[in-house]
N, C-alpha and C. Protein backbone atom coordinates (compact mmCIF):
# COMPACT_ATOMS: atom_id res chain seq x y z
N MET A 1 105.43 -25.85 -30.33
CA MET A 1 104.65 -26.85 -31.06
C MET A 1 103.38 -27.17 -30.26
N ASN A 2 102.30 -27.39 -30.98
CA ASN A 2 101.04 -27.75 -30.36
C ASN A 2 100.86 -29.26 -30.36
N PHE A 3 100.14 -29.74 -29.36
CA PHE A 3 99.85 -31.16 -29.25
C PHE A 3 98.36 -31.37 -29.03
N LEU A 4 97.89 -32.53 -29.46
CA LEU A 4 96.52 -32.95 -29.24
C LEU A 4 96.56 -34.17 -28.34
N LEU A 5 95.82 -34.12 -27.25
CA LEU A 5 95.70 -35.27 -26.36
C LEU A 5 94.33 -35.89 -26.57
N ALA A 6 94.31 -37.19 -26.83
CA ALA A 6 93.05 -37.92 -26.97
C ALA A 6 92.92 -38.87 -25.78
N VAL A 7 91.70 -38.97 -25.26
CA VAL A 7 91.44 -39.76 -24.06
C VAL A 7 90.22 -40.63 -24.28
N ASP A 8 90.37 -41.93 -24.02
CA ASP A 8 89.23 -42.83 -23.93
C ASP A 8 88.85 -42.84 -22.45
N ILE A 9 87.73 -42.21 -22.13
CA ILE A 9 87.33 -41.93 -20.75
C ILE A 9 87.04 -43.21 -19.98
N GLY A 10 87.50 -43.23 -18.74
CA GLY A 10 87.23 -44.31 -17.81
C GLY A 10 88.24 -44.29 -16.69
N LEU A 11 88.02 -45.10 -15.66
CA LEU A 11 89.07 -45.26 -14.66
C LEU A 11 90.22 -46.04 -15.28
N LYS A 12 89.89 -46.95 -16.20
CA LYS A 12 90.90 -47.56 -17.07
C LYS A 12 90.90 -46.69 -18.32
N THR A 13 91.89 -45.86 -18.44
CA THR A 13 91.92 -44.79 -19.43
C THR A 13 92.92 -45.07 -20.53
N GLY A 14 92.53 -44.80 -21.76
CA GLY A 14 93.46 -44.81 -22.87
C GLY A 14 93.87 -43.38 -23.17
N LEU A 15 95.16 -43.17 -23.43
CA LEU A 15 95.70 -41.84 -23.71
C LEU A 15 96.54 -41.90 -24.98
N ALA A 16 96.46 -40.87 -25.79
CA ALA A 16 97.27 -40.78 -27.01
C ALA A 16 97.61 -39.32 -27.26
N LEU A 17 98.88 -39.04 -27.46
CA LEU A 17 99.33 -37.67 -27.72
C LEU A 17 99.82 -37.58 -29.16
N TYR A 18 99.30 -36.58 -29.88
CA TYR A 18 99.66 -36.33 -31.28
C TYR A 18 100.38 -35.00 -31.41
N GLY A 19 101.37 -34.97 -32.30
CA GLY A 19 102.03 -33.71 -32.64
C GLY A 19 101.25 -32.99 -33.72
N GLN A 20 101.60 -31.75 -33.95
CA GLN A 20 100.89 -30.93 -34.94
C GLN A 20 101.10 -31.46 -36.36
N ASP A 21 102.10 -32.32 -36.56
CA ASP A 21 102.29 -32.96 -37.87
C ASP A 21 101.31 -34.10 -38.08
N GLY A 22 100.45 -34.37 -37.08
CA GLY A 22 99.43 -35.40 -37.19
C GLY A 22 99.93 -36.78 -36.82
N ARG A 23 101.17 -36.89 -36.38
CA ARG A 23 101.72 -38.20 -36.01
C ARG A 23 101.59 -38.44 -34.51
N LEU A 24 101.38 -39.70 -34.19
CA LEU A 24 101.28 -40.14 -32.81
C LEU A 24 102.65 -40.03 -32.14
N VAL A 25 102.71 -39.36 -31.00
CA VAL A 25 103.96 -39.19 -30.26
C VAL A 25 104.10 -40.31 -29.24
N TRP A 26 103.04 -40.52 -28.44
CA TRP A 26 103.02 -41.61 -27.47
C TRP A 26 101.58 -42.01 -27.19
N TYR A 27 101.43 -43.19 -26.59
CA TYR A 27 100.12 -43.70 -26.22
C TYR A 27 100.32 -44.61 -25.03
N ARG A 28 99.27 -44.76 -24.25
CA ARG A 28 99.34 -45.68 -23.12
C ARG A 28 97.95 -45.96 -22.58
N SER A 29 97.90 -46.97 -21.75
CA SER A 29 96.70 -47.33 -21.04
C SER A 29 97.03 -47.23 -19.55
N GLN A 30 96.12 -46.66 -18.79
CA GLN A 30 96.40 -46.45 -17.37
C GLN A 30 95.16 -46.78 -16.56
N ASN A 31 95.34 -47.54 -15.49
CA ASN A 31 94.25 -47.84 -14.58
C ASN A 31 94.40 -46.95 -13.35
N TYR A 32 93.51 -45.97 -13.21
CA TYR A 32 93.60 -45.04 -12.09
C TYR A 32 92.89 -45.55 -10.84
N ALA A 33 91.98 -46.50 -10.97
CA ALA A 33 91.33 -47.22 -9.87
C ALA A 33 90.36 -46.39 -9.04
N SER A 34 90.51 -45.07 -8.96
CA SER A 34 89.58 -44.26 -8.18
C SER A 34 89.47 -42.87 -8.82
N VAL A 35 88.37 -42.21 -8.54
CA VAL A 35 88.14 -40.86 -9.06
C VAL A 35 89.20 -39.90 -8.51
N LYS A 36 89.55 -40.06 -7.27
CA LYS A 36 90.57 -39.19 -6.66
C LYS A 36 91.90 -39.30 -7.40
N ARG A 37 92.32 -40.52 -7.69
CA ARG A 37 93.59 -40.72 -8.42
C ARG A 37 93.48 -40.18 -9.84
N LEU A 38 92.32 -40.35 -10.47
CA LEU A 38 92.12 -39.82 -11.82
C LEU A 38 92.25 -38.30 -11.82
N LYS A 39 91.59 -37.63 -10.88
CA LYS A 39 91.66 -36.16 -10.81
C LYS A 39 93.10 -35.69 -10.69
N SER A 40 93.85 -36.33 -9.83
CA SER A 40 95.25 -35.98 -9.64
C SER A 40 96.05 -36.22 -10.91
N ALA A 41 95.79 -37.33 -11.57
CA ALA A 41 96.50 -37.67 -12.80
C ALA A 41 96.20 -36.69 -13.92
N VAL A 42 94.95 -36.28 -14.05
CA VAL A 42 94.56 -35.33 -15.11
C VAL A 42 95.35 -34.04 -14.95
N TYR A 43 95.39 -33.53 -13.74
CA TYR A 43 96.17 -32.32 -13.47
C TYR A 43 97.64 -32.55 -13.87
N GLY A 44 98.19 -33.67 -13.45
CA GLY A 44 99.59 -33.98 -13.74
C GLY A 44 99.90 -34.13 -15.22
N ILE A 45 98.99 -34.74 -15.96
CA ILE A 45 99.20 -34.93 -17.41
C ILE A 45 99.31 -33.59 -18.11
N PHE A 46 98.41 -32.67 -17.78
CA PHE A 46 98.46 -31.35 -18.40
C PHE A 46 99.68 -30.55 -17.94
N LYS A 47 100.07 -30.72 -16.70
CA LYS A 47 101.24 -30.02 -16.18
C LYS A 47 102.52 -30.51 -16.87
N GLU A 48 102.61 -31.83 -17.10
CA GLU A 48 103.79 -32.42 -17.76
C GLU A 48 103.82 -32.11 -19.26
N ASN A 49 102.68 -31.79 -19.83
CA ASN A 49 102.56 -31.53 -21.27
C ASN A 49 101.92 -30.17 -21.49
N PRO A 50 102.62 -29.08 -21.18
CA PRO A 50 102.01 -27.75 -21.24
C PRO A 50 101.67 -27.27 -22.65
N ASP A 51 102.15 -27.96 -23.68
CA ASP A 51 101.87 -27.53 -25.05
C ASP A 51 100.64 -28.20 -25.65
N ILE A 52 99.84 -28.87 -24.83
CA ILE A 52 98.58 -29.44 -25.32
C ILE A 52 97.64 -28.28 -25.62
N SER A 53 97.20 -28.21 -26.87
CA SER A 53 96.29 -27.14 -27.27
C SER A 53 94.90 -27.66 -27.62
N MET A 54 94.78 -28.99 -27.72
CA MET A 54 93.50 -29.58 -28.09
C MET A 54 93.32 -30.87 -27.29
N LEU A 55 92.12 -31.06 -26.76
CA LEU A 55 91.76 -32.28 -26.06
C LEU A 55 90.58 -32.91 -26.79
N VAL A 56 90.72 -34.19 -27.13
CA VAL A 56 89.63 -34.96 -27.72
C VAL A 56 89.29 -36.06 -26.74
N ILE A 57 88.04 -36.09 -26.31
CA ILE A 57 87.63 -37.13 -25.37
C ILE A 57 86.55 -37.99 -25.99
N GLU A 58 86.70 -39.28 -25.79
CA GLU A 58 85.67 -40.23 -26.20
C GLU A 58 84.96 -40.69 -24.94
N GLY A 59 83.70 -40.38 -24.87
CA GLY A 59 82.91 -40.77 -23.72
C GLY A 59 82.32 -39.55 -23.02
N GLY A 60 81.59 -39.82 -21.96
CA GLY A 60 80.93 -38.75 -21.25
C GLY A 60 80.75 -39.08 -19.78
N GLY A 61 79.87 -38.34 -19.14
CA GLY A 61 79.56 -38.59 -17.74
C GLY A 61 80.50 -37.89 -16.78
N PRO A 62 80.41 -38.26 -15.51
CA PRO A 62 81.19 -37.59 -14.47
C PRO A 62 82.71 -37.67 -14.68
N LEU A 63 83.20 -38.77 -15.23
CA LEU A 63 84.64 -38.88 -15.47
C LEU A 63 85.08 -37.94 -16.59
N ALA A 64 84.25 -37.79 -17.60
CA ALA A 64 84.57 -36.83 -18.67
C ALA A 64 84.58 -35.41 -18.13
N ASP A 65 83.70 -35.13 -17.17
CA ASP A 65 83.64 -33.79 -16.58
C ASP A 65 84.96 -33.38 -15.94
N ILE A 66 85.70 -34.33 -15.41
CA ILE A 66 87.02 -34.04 -14.81
C ILE A 66 87.96 -33.49 -15.87
N TRP A 67 87.99 -34.16 -17.03
CA TRP A 67 88.85 -33.73 -18.14
C TRP A 67 88.39 -32.38 -18.69
N ILE A 68 87.07 -32.23 -18.84
CA ILE A 68 86.51 -31.00 -19.40
C ILE A 68 86.82 -29.82 -18.49
N LYS A 69 86.65 -30.00 -17.20
CA LYS A 69 86.92 -28.91 -16.25
C LYS A 69 88.38 -28.47 -16.34
N GLU A 70 89.30 -29.43 -16.39
CA GLU A 70 90.73 -29.07 -16.44
C GLU A 70 91.08 -28.41 -17.78
N ALA A 71 90.49 -28.90 -18.87
CA ALA A 71 90.73 -28.28 -20.18
C ALA A 71 90.21 -26.85 -20.19
N ASN A 72 89.03 -26.64 -19.65
CA ASN A 72 88.47 -25.28 -19.59
C ASN A 72 89.32 -24.37 -18.72
N ARG A 73 89.79 -24.88 -17.60
CA ARG A 73 90.63 -24.09 -16.70
C ARG A 73 91.91 -23.65 -17.39
N ARG A 74 92.44 -24.51 -18.25
CA ARG A 74 93.69 -24.21 -18.97
C ARG A 74 93.44 -23.57 -20.34
N LYS A 75 92.17 -23.34 -20.66
CA LYS A 75 91.78 -22.73 -21.94
C LYS A 75 92.26 -23.56 -23.14
N ILE A 76 92.06 -24.87 -23.02
CA ILE A 76 92.43 -25.82 -24.07
C ILE A 76 91.17 -26.14 -24.88
N SER A 77 91.28 -26.09 -26.20
CA SER A 77 90.15 -26.45 -27.06
C SER A 77 89.75 -27.89 -26.81
N LEU A 78 88.47 -28.14 -26.93
CA LEU A 78 87.93 -29.45 -26.57
C LEU A 78 86.96 -29.94 -27.63
N ARG A 79 87.08 -31.22 -27.94
CA ARG A 79 86.09 -31.89 -28.79
C ARG A 79 85.72 -33.19 -28.10
N GLN A 80 84.43 -33.44 -28.00
CA GLN A 80 83.94 -34.68 -27.42
C GLN A 80 83.34 -35.49 -28.56
N VAL A 81 83.72 -36.77 -28.61
CA VAL A 81 83.30 -37.62 -29.73
C VAL A 81 82.85 -38.97 -29.18
N SER A 82 81.91 -39.57 -29.85
CA SER A 82 81.50 -40.93 -29.50
C SER A 82 82.29 -41.91 -30.37
N ALA A 83 82.42 -43.12 -29.89
CA ALA A 83 83.09 -44.16 -30.68
C ALA A 83 82.37 -44.36 -32.01
N GLU A 84 81.05 -44.26 -31.99
CA GLU A 84 80.29 -44.45 -33.22
C GLU A 84 80.67 -43.42 -34.28
N THR A 85 80.94 -42.20 -33.85
CA THR A 85 81.29 -41.13 -34.79
C THR A 85 82.65 -41.37 -35.42
N TRP A 86 83.70 -41.60 -34.60
CA TRP A 86 85.02 -41.80 -35.22
C TRP A 86 85.07 -43.11 -35.99
N ARG A 87 84.34 -44.13 -35.53
CA ARG A 87 84.32 -45.39 -36.29
C ARG A 87 83.71 -45.17 -37.67
N LYS A 88 82.62 -44.39 -37.72
CA LYS A 88 81.97 -44.11 -39.01
C LYS A 88 82.94 -43.42 -39.96
N ASP A 89 83.77 -42.53 -39.42
CA ASP A 89 84.71 -41.77 -40.25
C ASP A 89 85.98 -42.54 -40.60
N LEU A 90 86.37 -43.52 -39.79
CA LEU A 90 87.66 -44.20 -39.99
C LEU A 90 87.56 -45.65 -40.44
N LEU A 91 86.42 -46.28 -40.21
CA LEU A 91 86.25 -47.69 -40.57
C LEU A 91 85.12 -47.84 -41.59
N TYR A 92 85.26 -48.82 -42.46
CA TYR A 92 84.16 -49.15 -43.36
C TYR A 92 83.02 -49.78 -42.56
N SER A 93 81.81 -49.70 -43.07
CA SER A 93 80.65 -50.31 -42.41
C SER A 93 80.87 -51.79 -42.17
N ARG A 94 81.46 -52.47 -43.15
CA ARG A 94 81.68 -53.92 -43.02
C ARG A 94 82.69 -54.26 -41.92
N GLU A 95 83.50 -53.25 -41.50
CA GLU A 95 84.50 -53.47 -40.46
C GLU A 95 83.94 -53.24 -39.06
N GLN A 96 82.66 -52.88 -38.99
CA GLN A 96 82.08 -52.56 -37.68
C GLN A 96 80.64 -53.04 -37.56
N ARG A 97 80.37 -54.20 -38.11
CA ARG A 97 79.00 -54.72 -38.08
C ARG A 97 78.52 -55.04 -36.67
N ASP A 98 79.45 -55.39 -35.79
CA ASP A 98 79.10 -55.58 -34.37
C ASP A 98 80.25 -55.05 -33.52
N GLY A 99 80.01 -54.93 -32.23
CA GLY A 99 80.99 -54.34 -31.33
C GLY A 99 82.32 -55.07 -31.30
N LYS A 100 82.26 -56.40 -31.29
CA LYS A 100 83.49 -57.20 -31.24
C LYS A 100 84.34 -56.97 -32.50
N GLN A 101 83.69 -56.99 -33.65
CA GLN A 101 84.39 -56.77 -34.92
C GLN A 101 84.95 -55.34 -34.98
N ALA A 102 84.18 -54.38 -34.51
CA ALA A 102 84.63 -52.98 -34.52
C ALA A 102 85.87 -52.81 -33.66
N LYS A 103 85.90 -53.42 -32.47
CA LYS A 103 87.06 -53.31 -31.59
C LYS A 103 88.28 -53.98 -32.20
N LYS A 104 88.07 -55.13 -32.85
CA LYS A 104 89.18 -55.84 -33.50
C LYS A 104 89.78 -54.97 -34.60
N ASN A 105 88.94 -54.43 -35.46
CA ASN A 105 89.43 -53.60 -36.57
C ASN A 105 90.00 -52.27 -36.09
N ALA A 106 89.46 -51.75 -34.99
CA ALA A 106 90.05 -50.54 -34.40
C ALA A 106 91.47 -50.84 -33.93
N GLY A 107 91.67 -52.00 -33.34
CA GLY A 107 93.01 -52.39 -32.90
C GLY A 107 93.98 -52.50 -34.06
N ILE A 108 93.52 -53.06 -35.17
CA ILE A 108 94.38 -53.18 -36.36
C ILE A 108 94.73 -51.80 -36.90
N LEU A 109 93.74 -50.92 -37.01
CA LEU A 109 93.99 -49.58 -37.51
C LEU A 109 94.91 -48.80 -36.57
N ALA A 110 94.72 -48.96 -35.25
CA ALA A 110 95.58 -48.27 -34.28
C ALA A 110 97.03 -48.73 -34.43
N LYS A 111 97.25 -50.03 -34.65
CA LYS A 111 98.61 -50.52 -34.87
C LYS A 111 99.21 -49.94 -36.15
N ASN A 112 98.38 -49.74 -37.16
CA ASN A 112 98.85 -49.11 -38.40
C ASN A 112 99.26 -47.66 -38.15
N VAL A 113 98.51 -46.96 -37.30
CA VAL A 113 98.85 -45.58 -36.96
C VAL A 113 100.18 -45.55 -36.20
N ILE A 114 100.36 -46.47 -35.28
CA ILE A 114 101.62 -46.56 -34.52
C ILE A 114 102.79 -46.76 -35.48
N GLU A 115 102.63 -47.70 -36.41
CA GLU A 115 103.69 -47.98 -37.38
C GLU A 115 103.97 -46.77 -38.27
N TRP A 116 102.93 -46.15 -38.78
CA TRP A 116 103.08 -44.98 -39.66
C TRP A 116 103.76 -43.83 -38.92
N SER A 117 103.44 -43.67 -37.65
CA SER A 117 103.98 -42.57 -36.85
C SER A 117 105.42 -42.81 -36.40
N GLY A 118 105.84 -44.06 -36.43
CA GLY A 118 107.17 -44.38 -35.91
C GLY A 118 107.20 -44.41 -34.39
N ALA A 119 106.03 -44.57 -33.77
CA ALA A 119 105.96 -44.65 -32.31
C ALA A 119 106.40 -46.05 -31.87
N LYS A 120 106.72 -46.17 -30.61
CA LYS A 120 107.16 -47.45 -30.06
C LYS A 120 106.05 -48.49 -30.22
N ARG A 121 106.42 -49.66 -30.74
CA ARG A 121 105.44 -50.72 -30.94
C ARG A 121 105.03 -51.35 -29.60
N PRO A 122 103.77 -51.70 -29.48
CA PRO A 122 103.31 -52.28 -28.21
C PRO A 122 103.63 -53.77 -28.13
N THR A 123 103.83 -54.25 -26.89
CA THR A 123 103.89 -55.71 -26.71
C THR A 123 102.47 -56.25 -26.80
N SER A 124 101.55 -55.51 -26.22
CA SER A 124 100.12 -55.77 -26.41
C SER A 124 99.43 -54.42 -26.38
N LEU A 125 98.38 -54.29 -27.14
CA LEU A 125 97.67 -53.02 -27.24
C LEU A 125 96.29 -53.18 -26.63
N ARG A 126 96.07 -52.55 -25.49
CA ARG A 126 94.75 -52.61 -24.85
C ARG A 126 93.74 -51.82 -25.68
N HIS A 127 92.49 -52.24 -25.60
CA HIS A 127 91.47 -51.58 -26.43
C HIS A 127 91.28 -50.12 -26.05
N ASP A 128 91.47 -49.74 -24.78
CA ASP A 128 91.29 -48.33 -24.42
C ASP A 128 92.38 -47.46 -25.04
N ALA A 129 93.61 -47.95 -25.11
CA ALA A 129 94.69 -47.20 -25.77
C ALA A 129 94.42 -47.13 -27.27
N ALA A 130 93.97 -48.24 -27.87
CA ALA A 130 93.66 -48.26 -29.30
C ALA A 130 92.56 -47.25 -29.62
N GLU A 131 91.55 -47.19 -28.79
CA GLU A 131 90.45 -46.27 -29.04
C GLU A 131 90.89 -44.82 -28.85
N ALA A 132 91.79 -44.57 -27.90
CA ALA A 132 92.33 -43.21 -27.74
C ALA A 132 93.14 -42.82 -28.98
N ILE A 133 93.93 -43.77 -29.50
CA ILE A 133 94.71 -43.50 -30.71
C ILE A 133 93.79 -43.11 -31.85
N LEU A 134 92.68 -43.82 -32.01
CA LEU A 134 91.79 -43.53 -33.14
C LEU A 134 90.93 -42.29 -32.90
N ALA A 135 90.55 -42.03 -31.66
CA ALA A 135 89.86 -40.77 -31.37
C ALA A 135 90.81 -39.61 -31.67
N GLY A 136 92.09 -39.79 -31.36
CA GLY A 136 93.08 -38.76 -31.68
C GLY A 136 93.29 -38.59 -33.17
N LEU A 137 93.33 -39.70 -33.89
CA LEU A 137 93.44 -39.63 -35.35
C LEU A 137 92.25 -38.87 -35.93
N TRP A 138 91.06 -39.18 -35.44
CA TRP A 138 89.87 -38.45 -35.85
C TRP A 138 90.05 -36.96 -35.55
N GLY A 139 90.59 -36.65 -34.36
CA GLY A 139 90.78 -35.26 -33.96
C GLY A 139 91.75 -34.51 -34.86
N VAL A 140 92.88 -35.15 -35.22
CA VAL A 140 93.84 -34.44 -36.07
C VAL A 140 93.28 -34.26 -37.48
N LEU A 141 92.41 -35.15 -37.91
CA LEU A 141 91.73 -34.97 -39.20
C LEU A 141 90.71 -33.83 -39.11
N GLN A 142 89.96 -33.78 -38.00
CA GLN A 142 88.94 -32.74 -37.82
C GLN A 142 89.55 -31.35 -37.71
N THR A 143 90.70 -31.25 -37.05
CA THR A 143 91.34 -29.94 -36.87
C THR A 143 92.12 -29.49 -38.10
N GLY A 144 92.35 -30.42 -39.04
CA GLY A 144 93.10 -30.08 -40.24
C GLY A 144 94.60 -30.29 -40.10
N TRP A 145 95.05 -30.85 -38.97
CA TRP A 145 96.48 -31.14 -38.84
C TRP A 145 96.89 -32.18 -39.86
N LEU A 146 95.96 -33.08 -40.20
CA LEU A 146 96.10 -33.97 -41.36
C LEU A 146 94.93 -33.67 -42.28
N LYS A 147 95.20 -33.58 -43.57
CA LYS A 147 94.13 -33.26 -44.53
C LYS A 147 93.28 -34.48 -44.87
N GLU A 148 93.90 -35.67 -44.79
CA GLU A 148 93.19 -36.91 -45.07
C GLU A 148 93.90 -38.05 -44.37
N LEU A 149 93.25 -39.19 -44.30
CA LEU A 149 93.86 -40.37 -43.71
C LEU A 149 95.13 -40.69 -44.49
N PRO A 150 96.27 -40.76 -43.82
CA PRO A 150 97.53 -40.99 -44.54
C PRO A 150 97.51 -42.24 -45.40
N ARG A 151 98.06 -42.10 -46.57
CA ARG A 151 98.07 -43.18 -47.55
C ARG A 151 98.76 -44.43 -47.02
N ASP A 152 99.85 -44.24 -46.27
CA ASP A 152 100.56 -45.40 -45.72
C ASP A 152 99.69 -46.21 -44.78
N ILE A 153 98.82 -45.55 -44.04
CA ILE A 153 97.91 -46.27 -43.15
C ILE A 153 96.92 -47.07 -43.99
N LYS A 154 96.41 -46.45 -45.03
CA LYS A 154 95.47 -47.14 -45.91
C LYS A 154 96.14 -48.33 -46.58
N GLN A 155 97.37 -48.16 -47.04
CA GLN A 155 98.08 -49.25 -47.73
C GLN A 155 98.33 -50.42 -46.79
N VAL A 156 98.70 -50.15 -45.56
CA VAL A 156 98.96 -51.22 -44.60
C VAL A 156 97.69 -52.04 -44.40
N LYS A 157 96.55 -51.36 -44.39
CA LYS A 157 95.27 -52.04 -44.23
C LYS A 157 94.77 -52.68 -45.52
N GLY A 158 95.41 -52.36 -46.60
CA GLY A 158 94.96 -52.91 -47.87
C GLY A 158 93.77 -52.17 -48.44
N ARG A 159 93.64 -50.90 -48.13
CA ARG A 159 92.51 -50.11 -48.63
C ARG A 159 92.77 -49.63 -50.03
């Protein structure tokens, strides 16, 4: 089975793993605190999850380069996306008029994805994990693992 790993880039990193059925398998937020610890963690994440065939990263810069280098070394397909791009595709314009509103609605949509996927519910959902979940959702839609935004997610949101 193939998996897609989505990452919200930073030392405080959001991670989300999707199965080829387009459902969220797991998600988490991790504070690596240093570039050295991040580099070690990136290697370990791919080693623990050898069936990752696609990496979607939100963000750029030197920290993104760590993920890109490891994906290239392992010959993993890569897509880099900005928050503005996946928000445009997943949220209505009225749901993202400003950054605060966009993050709030991203959190709501991420919780809907968690519920639809049957993944473990969070006690609290950090914004970096929520953004990784939605970058991953964008990725599974872009790759065709899901043909469209699942109806159950839309219904939960009242769309």
